[in-house]
Amino acid sequence: MLSMTLLFTTCLMFTGAGATTLSQDIATKNELESQLKALEEKRKQISAALTAARNDVAAAEKEVNLLYDEIGTYQEQVETLSTLVAEYSALAEAKEEEIDRLNEQMEKNYKLFKERLVFAQESGNMSYIDFLLGSTDLSDIISRSEVINDMLEYDRKIIQSLKEDREAIEKAKEEIDVALKTCKEKQEEYTAVLKILNQKRAELEARLKELKDNQAAQQAAYNRNQNSKKEIENRLDKVIQDIANKSQGSYSGDFIWPLPVHSPGWISQHFHSGHSGLDIAVGGWVNNGKIPALSIAAGTVVRVGSYWDWGNLVVVDHGGGYLSYYAHLDSISVSYGQKVSQGQQVGKIGSTGDSTGPHLHLVIYAPVGAGGASIRTDPMNYISYPR
């Protein structure tokens, strides 16, 4: 970030009383270029930090999303186990009720069995004697004895059947109880895991927030840096125009097409309100760094450098307020202060800076009226496509 003293000095250069001299404009230009260089170095640092912050946020978001998936899986399992616990509990309760019912039925049948057993086996029992004496003959006595035995056998089988049913139900209940215990243990285990995972989620979300805050801070710093650079670049353009207007001599010759006749390229975007120059495409990446950019007229190189938007840039002062800008160069062939002739190579056409493919972005500043300030104008007013 520029120091307050430096900004104040820069402001004085533009707001001081009276017109500035050529030497003052050159000093201002050098100071602004120095500031731009410092801001560009700062931009690289911030850009690296911003990229790292974005990567950290992306990694943390991925980790959080994976954790959400894991939590969701455990949550589903806990809910499933809760359903099973409820179902097994209901089954166990139903089996318990069935066992109680069978025990009660067995108790009733056993009591009846004992009563019949006493009736059948206690020979001193008058009712038994009466039952036998009531027989008409020996065959009747045998028949009546068999009836008593059949009754006793039936009772025994009923009791035995009830006993077997109870044992089967008790066994089923034991299995249900084991399953119920297992489900409850798993439910407790998964609930404990969920608690740990949710704690981890809270920690990750807190860390993600910090990373996003850091990313936002880096982005804000980057934006401030770019705004400062844009402001200084605008000032630098103004100073260069002032220098061009104050330079001795004026240019009255013709301007030529900025690419060789044998490889002229083609116009991919014309000058308009949203586009400050002329874009000349060169045929894609296969020609990146291969085709020269030519100075449209003789002049002096007044600006050379690399910028985030212009990319590699060369500016030539042709005198009389005429300036030409050659932006997005792959490489630069001239140096600051160098005299260049018309058609001389100033660099190789490329795609540096804010560019989507190899092309030359040509900007022409021209004076408005006699002694008027230079403004950006349509390059096609001064150059024409080679036939």
Protein backbone atom coordinates (compact mmCIF):
# COMPACT_ATOMS: atom_id res chain seq x y z
CA MET A 1 0.00 0.00 0.00
CA LEU A 2 1.28 3.47 -0.86
CA SER A 3 2.49 5.63 2.01
CA MET A 4 0.52 8.73 2.88
CA THR A 5 3.57 10.89 2.10
CA LEU A 6 3.90 9.35 -1.35
CA LEU A 7 0.20 9.80 -2.11
CA PHE A 8 0.34 13.39 -0.84
CA THR A 9 3.35 14.12 -3.04
CA THR A 10 1.57 12.56 -6.02
CA CYS A 11 -1.54 14.63 -5.36
CA LEU A 12 0.53 17.82 -5.22
CA MET A 13 1.91 17.00 -8.64
CA PHE A 14 -1.62 17.12 -10.05
CA THR A 15 -3.22 19.77 -7.83
CA GLY A 16 -0.38 22.24 -7.34
CA ALA A 17 -0.86 25.82 -8.43
CA GLY A 18 -0.01 26.65 -12.05
CA ALA A 19 0.92 24.45 -14.99
CA THR A 20 3.67 21.87 -14.63
CA THR A 21 6.85 21.93 -16.69
CA LEU A 22 8.04 19.10 -18.91
CA SER A 23 10.76 18.16 -16.41
CA GLN A 24 8.17 18.08 -13.60
CA ASP A 25 5.92 15.84 -15.69
CA ILE A 26 8.84 13.48 -16.37
CA ALA A 27 9.67 13.37 -12.63
CA THR A 28 6.01 12.65 -11.87
CA LYS A 29 5.96 9.92 -14.51
CA ASN A 30 9.03 8.26 -13.00
CA GLU A 31 7.53 8.46 -9.51
CA LEU A 32 4.22 6.96 -10.67
CA GLU A 33 6.00 4.13 -12.48
CA SER A 34 7.94 3.42 -9.29
CA GLN A 35 4.68 3.30 -7.35
CA LEU A 36 3.16 0.97 -9.95
CA LYS A 37 6.13 -1.36 -9.68
CA ALA A 38 5.77 -1.50 -5.89
CA LEU A 39 2.02 -2.12 -6.21
CA GLU A 40 2.63 -4.90 -8.74
CA GLU A 41 5.01 -6.65 -6.34
CA LYS A 42 2.42 -6.27 -3.59
CA ARG A 43 -0.25 -7.61 -5.95
CA LYS A 44 1.79 -10.76 -6.58
CA GLN A 45 2.10 -11.35 -2.82
CA ILE A 46 -1.59 -10.76 -2.21
CA SER A 47 -2.52 -12.89 -5.22
CA ALA A 48 -0.44 -15.79 -3.87
CA ALA A 49 -2.04 -15.39 -0.43
CA LEU A 50 -5.51 -15.19 -2.02
CA THR A 51 -4.89 -18.35 -4.04
CA ALA A 52 -3.70 -20.15 -0.90
CA ALA A 53 -6.76 -18.88 1.01
CA ARG A 54 -9.09 -20.11 -1.74
CA ASN A 55 -7.39 -23.52 -1.73
CA ASP A 56 -7.70 -23.69 2.07
CA VAL A 57 -11.40 -22.83 1.89
CA ALA A 58 -11.99 -25.42 -0.86
CA ALA A 59 -10.17 -28.13 1.14
CA ALA A 60 -12.06 -27.23 4.33
CA GLU A 61 -15.41 -27.21 2.49
CA LYS A 62 -14.63 -30.64 1.05
CA GLU A 63 -13.76 -31.93 4.54
CA VAL A 64 -16.95 -30.45 6.00
CA ASN A 65 -19.08 -31.98 3.22
CA LEU A 66 -17.51 -35.40 3.77
CA LEU A 67 -18.19 -35.03 7.49
CA TYR A 68 -21.81 -34.09 6.76
CA ASP A 69 -22.14 -37.29 4.73
CA GLU A 70 -20.65 -39.35 7.56
CA ILE A 71 -22.91 -37.70 10.14
CA GLY A 72 -25.91 -38.34 7.89
CA THR A 73 -25.00 -42.02 7.60
CA TYR A 74 -24.67 -42.44 11.37
CA GLN A 75 -27.86 -40.46 11.93
CA GLU A 76 -29.75 -42.81 9.61
CA GLN A 77 -28.30 -45.82 11.44
CA VAL A 78 -29.28 -44.39 14.83
CA GLU A 79 -32.82 -43.76 13.56
CA THR A 80 -33.01 -47.29 12.14
CA LEU A 81 -31.75 -48.72 15.43
CA SER A 82 -34.32 -46.65 17.34
CA THR A 83 -37.04 -48.18 15.18
CA LEU A 84 -35.65 -51.67 15.79
CA VAL A 85 -35.42 -51.06 19.54
CA ALA A 86 -39.07 -50.03 19.58
CA GLU A 87 -40.08 -53.07 17.50
CA TYR A 88 -38.03 -55.53 19.58
CA SER A 89 -39.33 -53.98 22.80
CA ALA A 90 -42.91 -54.46 21.58
CA LEU A 91 -42.14 -58.05 20.55
CA ALA A 92 -40.49 -58.81 23.89
CA GLU A 93 -43.49 -57.36 25.73
CA ALA A 94 -45.88 -59.41 23.60
CA LYS A 95 -43.86 -62.60 24.25
CA GLU A 96 -43.81 -61.85 27.97
CA GLU A 97 -47.59 -61.48 27.96
CA GLU A 98 -47.92 -64.75 26.00
CA ILE A 99 -45.68 -66.55 28.49
CA ASP A 100 -47.78 -65.22 31.39
CA ARG A 101 -50.95 -66.41 29.64
CA LEU A 102 -49.50 -69.91 29.05
CA ASN A 103 -48.28 -70.13 32.65
CA GLU A 104 -51.74 -69.23 33.85
CA GLN A 105 -53.34 -71.82 31.53
CA MET A 106 -50.81 -74.43 32.61
CA GLU A 107 -51.58 -73.70 36.24
CA LYS A 108 -55.31 -74.19 35.61
CA ASN A 109 -54.80 -77.40 33.64
CA TYR A 110 -52.35 -78.75 36.18
CA LYS A 111 -54.82 -78.09 38.98
CA LEU A 112 -57.52 -79.95 37.04
CA PHE A 113 -55.08 -82.76 36.31
CA LYS A 114 -54.27 -83.15 40.00
CA GLU A 115 -57.96 -83.32 40.86
CA ARG A 116 -58.53 -86.06 38.31
CA LEU A 117 -55.40 -87.85 39.40
CA VAL A 118 -56.65 -87.95 42.98
CA PHE A 119 -60.00 -89.19 41.75
CA ALA A 120 -58.31 -91.95 39.74
CA GLN A 121 -55.65 -93.13 42.17
CA GLU A 122 -57.03 -92.81 45.66
CA SER A 123 -58.83 -96.12 46.03
CA GLY A 124 -60.40 -94.99 49.30
CA ASN A 125 -62.25 -92.31 47.47
CA MET A 126 -66.00 -93.20 47.56
CA SER A 127 -66.75 -91.37 44.40
CA TYR A 128 -64.22 -93.52 42.57
CA ILE A 129 -65.71 -96.70 44.13
CA ASP A 130 -69.19 -95.50 43.36
CA PHE A 131 -68.15 -94.78 39.79
CA LEU A 132 -66.86 -98.35 39.41
CA LEU A 133 -69.73 -100.01 41.35
CA GLY A 134 -72.12 -98.20 39.11
CA SER A 135 -70.91 -100.44 36.29
CA THR A 136 -73.34 -103.04 35.00
CA ASP A 137 -70.71 -105.69 34.34
CA LEU A 138 -66.99 -106.30 34.07
CA SER A 139 -66.84 -104.89 30.58
CA ASP A 140 -68.45 -101.69 31.80
CA ILE A 141 -65.93 -101.49 34.66
CA ILE A 142 -63.06 -101.76 32.16
CA SER A 143 -64.64 -99.15 29.91
CA ARG A 144 -65.08 -96.75 32.81
CA SER A 145 -61.44 -97.27 33.89
CA GLU A 146 -60.25 -96.54 30.33
CA VAL A 147 -62.28 -93.34 30.26
CA ILE A 148 -60.56 -92.17 33.44
CA ASN A 149 -57.13 -93.07 32.00
CA ASP A 150 -57.94 -91.28 28.71
CA MET A 151 -58.95 -88.19 30.64
CA LEU A 152 -55.73 -88.23 32.59
CA GLU A 153 -53.67 -88.79 29.42
CA TYR A 154 -55.44 -85.92 27.66
CA ASP A 155 -54.70 -83.62 30.59
CA ARG A 156 -51.08 -84.70 30.55
CA LYS A 157 -50.75 -84.01 26.84
CA ILE A 158 -52.39 -80.60 27.18
CA ILE A 159 -50.00 -79.69 29.97
CA GLN A 160 -47.05 -81.02 28.01
CA SER A 161 -48.12 -79.06 24.91
CA LEU A 162 -48.50 -75.89 26.95
CA LYS A 163 -45.10 -76.49 28.48
CA GLU A 164 -43.50 -76.94 25.05
CA ASP A 165 -45.22 -73.78 23.77
CA ARG A 166 -43.96 -71.84 26.74
CA GLU A 167 -40.42 -73.12 26.25
CA ALA A 168 -40.53 -72.15 22.57
CA ILE A 169 -41.85 -68.70 23.39
CA GLU A 170 -39.27 -68.26 26.17
CA LYS A 171 -36.54 -69.21 23.71
CA ALA A 172 -37.91 -66.72 21.15
CA LYS A 173 -38.04 -64.06 23.86
CA GLU A 174 -34.43 -64.77 24.79
CA GLU A 175 -33.44 -64.25 21.15
CA ILE A 176 -35.47 -61.05 21.02
CA ASP A 177 -33.85 -59.86 24.26
CA VAL A 178 -30.38 -60.54 22.81
CA ALA A 179 -31.28 -58.64 19.63
CA LEU A 180 -32.78 -55.83 21.69
CA LYS A 181 -29.65 -55.59 23.83
CA THR A 182 -27.43 -55.56 20.71
CA CYS A 183 -29.53 -52.80 19.13
CA LYS A 184 -29.41 -50.70 22.29
CA GLU A 185 -25.64 -51.14 22.53
CA LYS A 186 -25.20 -50.17 18.87
CA GLN A 187 -27.56 -47.25 19.34
CA GLU A 188 -25.50 -46.01 22.28
CA GLU A 189 -22.28 -46.56 20.33
CA TYR A 190 -23.49 -44.66 17.26
CA THR A 191 -24.97 -41.90 19.42
CA ALA A 192 -21.57 -41.47 21.07
CA VAL A 193 -19.91 -41.37 17.63
CA LEU A 194 -22.47 -38.81 16.48
CA LYS A 195 -21.64 -36.63 19.46
CA ILE A 196 -17.93 -36.73 18.55
CA LEU A 197 -18.66 -36.08 14.87
CA ASN A 198 -20.91 -33.11 15.69
CA GLN A 199 -18.19 -31.66 17.89
CA LYS A 200 -15.75 -32.09 15.03
CA ARG A 201 -18.30 -30.51 12.66
CA ALA A 202 -18.61 -27.47 14.92
CA GLU A 203 -14.81 -27.13 15.01
CA LEU A 204 -14.54 -27.52 11.23
CA GLU A 205 -17.29 -24.99 10.60
CA ALA A 206 -15.57 -22.53 12.92
CA ARG A 207 -12.27 -23.09 11.08
CA LEU A 208 -14.05 -22.77 7.71
CA LYS A 209 -15.50 -19.44 8.82
CA GLU A 210 -12.02 -18.22 9.77
CA LEU A 211 -10.68 -19.35 6.39
CA LYS A 212 -13.52 -17.62 4.54
CA ASP A 213 -12.95 -14.46 6.58
CA ASN A 214 -9.26 -14.65 5.64
CA GLN A 215 -10.17 -15.17 1.99
CA ALA A 216 -12.52 -12.18 2.12
CA ALA A 217 -9.77 -10.08 3.71
CA GLN A 218 -7.26 -11.13 1.03
CA GLN A 219 -9.82 -10.40 -1.69
CA ALA A 220 -10.50 -6.96 -0.20
CA ALA A 221 -6.75 -6.28 -0.06
CA TYR A 222 -6.41 -7.44 -3.66
CA ASN A 223 -9.28 -5.17 -4.75
CA ARG A 224 -7.75 -2.21 -2.93
CA ASN A 225 -4.43 -2.90 -4.60
CA GLN A 226 -6.05 -3.07 -8.02
CA ASN A 227 -8.00 0.12 -7.42
CA SER A 228 -4.80 1.90 -6.38
CA LYS A 229 -3.01 0.58 -9.47
CA LYS A 230 -5.86 1.66 -11.73
CA GLU A 231 -5.86 5.14 -10.21
CA ILE A 232 -2.08 5.50 -10.66
CA GLU A 233 -2.22 4.08 -14.19
CA ASN A 234 -4.85 6.69 -15.07
CA ARG A 235 -2.60 9.39 -13.61
CA LEU A 236 0.34 7.96 -15.50
CA ASP A 237 -1.62 8.03 -18.75
CA LYS A 238 -2.47 11.67 -18.08
CA VAL A 239 1.17 12.57 -17.37
CA ILE A 240 2.36 10.76 -20.50
CA GLN A 241 -0.23 12.69 -22.51
CA ASP A 242 1.03 15.94 -20.95
CA ILE A 243 4.58 14.99 -21.82
CA ALA A 244 3.53 14.20 -25.38
CA ASN A 245 1.72 17.53 -25.69
CA LYS A 246 4.74 19.45 -24.36
CA SER A 247 7.30 17.59 -26.43
CA GLN A 248 8.96 19.64 -29.12
CA GLY A 249 7.94 18.99 -32.67
CA SER A 250 4.78 17.52 -34.05
CA TYR A 251 4.03 14.47 -36.11
CA SER A 252 2.37 15.05 -39.44
CA GLY A 253 3.22 11.84 -41.32
CA ASP A 254 1.17 8.74 -41.95
CA PHE A 255 0.68 5.79 -39.57
CA ILE A 256 1.14 2.21 -40.73
CA TRP A 257 -0.54 -1.08 -39.79
CA PRO A 258 1.15 -2.45 -36.61
CA LEU A 259 1.69 -6.00 -37.99
CA PRO A 260 3.81 -7.19 -40.93
CA VAL A 261 2.13 -7.21 -44.33
CA HIS A 262 2.76 -10.95 -44.67
CA SER A 263 1.05 -11.64 -41.31
CA PRO A 264 -1.44 -8.81 -40.81
CA GLY A 265 -3.86 -10.72 -38.60
CA TRP A 266 -7.50 -9.56 -38.49
CA ILE A 267 -9.63 -7.24 -36.40
CA SER A 268 -11.36 -9.20 -33.66
CA GLN A 269 -12.83 -6.16 -31.86
CA HIS A 270 -13.22 -2.56 -32.93
CA PHE A 271 -12.96 0.61 -30.89
CA HIS A 272 -16.20 1.48 -29.02
CA SER A 273 -17.40 3.06 -25.78
CA GLY A 274 -16.61 -0.05 -23.78
CA HIS A 275 -13.38 -0.90 -25.59
CA SER A 276 -10.59 1.67 -25.66
CA GLY A 277 -8.62 0.35 -28.62
CA LEU A 278 -8.39 -2.03 -31.53
CA ASP A 279 -7.88 -5.79 -31.06
CA ILE A 280 -5.95 -7.54 -33.81
CA ALA A 281 -5.97 -11.36 -33.60
CA VAL A 282 -3.08 -13.44 -34.92
CA GLY A 283 -4.55 -16.93 -35.36
CA GLY A 284 -4.57 -18.50 -31.92
CA TRP A 285 -1.96 -19.95 -29.61
CA VAL A 286 0.04 -21.48 -32.42
CA ASN A 287 1.27 -17.94 -33.23
CA ASN A 288 1.76 -16.79 -29.65
CA GLY A 289 5.08 -14.92 -29.35
CA LYS A 290 5.89 -15.35 -33.06
CA ILE A 291 4.50 -12.29 -34.85
CA PRO A 292 6.16 -8.87 -34.30
CA ALA A 293 4.29 -5.74 -33.19
CA LEU A 294 5.53 -2.76 -35.21
CA SER A 295 5.63 0.90 -34.24
CA ILE A 296 3.02 2.71 -36.33
CA ALA A 297 5.32 5.76 -36.62
CA ALA A 298 8.71 7.03 -35.54
CA GLY A 299 8.96 8.20 -31.96
CA THR A 300 10.38 7.71 -28.48
CA VAL A 301 9.52 4.89 -26.08
CA VAL A 302 8.04 6.62 -23.03
CA ARG A 303 6.65 3.64 -21.15
CA VAL A 304 7.72 0.02 -20.82
CA GLY A 305 6.49 -2.46 -18.25
CA SER A 306 4.28 -5.34 -17.21
CA TYR A 307 0.82 -4.66 -15.78
CA TRP A 308 -2.04 -6.83 -14.54
CA ASP A 309 -4.45 -5.55 -17.19
CA TRP A 310 -2.23 -4.34 -20.06
CA GLY A 311 0.18 -7.24 -19.67
CA ASN A 312 3.54 -6.42 -21.28
CA LEU A 313 3.13 -2.88 -22.57
CA VAL A 314 5.10 -0.46 -24.76
CA VAL A 315 4.05 3.19 -25.26
CA VAL A 316 5.60 5.31 -28.02
CA ASP A 317 5.41 9.11 -28.15
CA HIS A 318 5.26 10.26 -31.78
CA GLY A 319 5.19 13.97 -30.95
CA GLY A 320 2.44 16.54 -31.27
CA GLY A 321 0.24 14.73 -28.74
CA TYR A 322 0.18 11.41 -30.63
CA LEU A 323 0.80 8.26 -28.55
CA SER A 324 0.50 4.58 -29.44
CA TYR A 325 0.04 1.74 -26.90
CA TYR A 326 0.99 -1.89 -27.70
CA ALA A 327 -0.54 -4.17 -25.04
CA HIS A 328 -0.56 -7.91 -24.15
CA LEU A 329 2.85 -8.43 -25.74
CA ASP A 330 4.50 -11.79 -25.22
CA SER A 331 7.89 -10.07 -25.07
CA ILE A 332 9.28 -6.54 -25.34
CA SER A 333 12.03 -5.58 -27.81
CA VAL A 334 12.70 -1.93 -26.81
CA SER A 335 13.67 -0.01 -23.70
CA TYR A 336 12.54 3.21 -22.06
CA GLY A 337 13.81 6.34 -23.81
CA GLN A 338 14.78 4.47 -26.97
CA LYS A 339 14.18 6.13 -30.34
CA VAL A 340 12.25 3.90 -32.75
CA SER A 341 11.62 4.23 -36.46
CA GLN A 342 8.35 3.60 -38.23
CA GLY A 343 7.84 -0.14 -38.70
CA GLN A 344 10.45 -1.05 -36.06
CA GLN A 345 9.62 -4.05 -33.87
CA VAL A 346 8.64 -3.09 -30.32
CA GLY A 347 7.77 -6.63 -29.18
CA LYS A 348 6.16 -9.97 -30.04
CA ILE A 349 2.38 -10.32 -29.96
CA GLY A 350 1.09 -12.50 -27.12
CA SER A 351 -1.58 -12.88 -24.44
CA THR A 352 -0.19 -11.42 -21.21
CA GLY A 353 -2.26 -9.49 -18.68
CA ASP A 354 -6.07 -9.48 -18.86
CA SER A 355 -6.27 -11.39 -22.13
CA THR A 356 -8.09 -14.46 -23.43
CA GLY A 357 -5.80 -15.26 -26.34
CA PRO A 358 -2.89 -13.98 -28.44
CA HIS A 359 -3.69 -10.59 -29.96
CA LEU A 360 -2.43 -7.01 -30.12
CA HIS A 361 -4.43 -4.37 -28.27
CA LEU A 362 -3.55 -1.10 -30.01
CA VAL A 363 -4.51 2.24 -28.42
CA ILE A 364 -3.94 5.61 -30.08
CA TYR A 365 -4.07 8.96 -28.28
CA ALA A 366 -4.54 11.93 -30.59
CA PRO A 367 -4.88 15.66 -29.85
CA VAL A 368 -8.25 17.34 -30.10
CA GLY A 369 -7.98 20.60 -32.06
CA ALA A 370 -4.99 22.91 -32.12
CA GLY A 371 -3.10 22.54 -28.87
CA GLY A 372 -5.89 20.40 -27.42
CA ALA A 373 -5.40 17.57 -24.91
CA SER A 374 -4.87 14.08 -26.29
CA ILE A 375 -7.67 11.55 -25.97
CA ARG A 376 -8.14 7.93 -26.89
CA THR A 377 -9.51 7.69 -30.39
CA ASP A 378 -10.46 5.05 -32.92
CA PRO A 379 -7.17 3.70 -34.38
CA MET A 380 -8.96 3.08 -37.68
CA ASN A 381 -9.07 6.86 -38.14
CA TYR A 382 -5.27 6.76 -38.58
CA ILE A 383 -4.40 3.29 -39.85
CA SER A 384 -5.93 0.97 -42.43
CA TYR A 385 -5.88 -2.76 -42.98
CA PRO A 386 -3.25 -3.71 -45.61
CA ARG A 387 -4.68 -4.77 -48.96
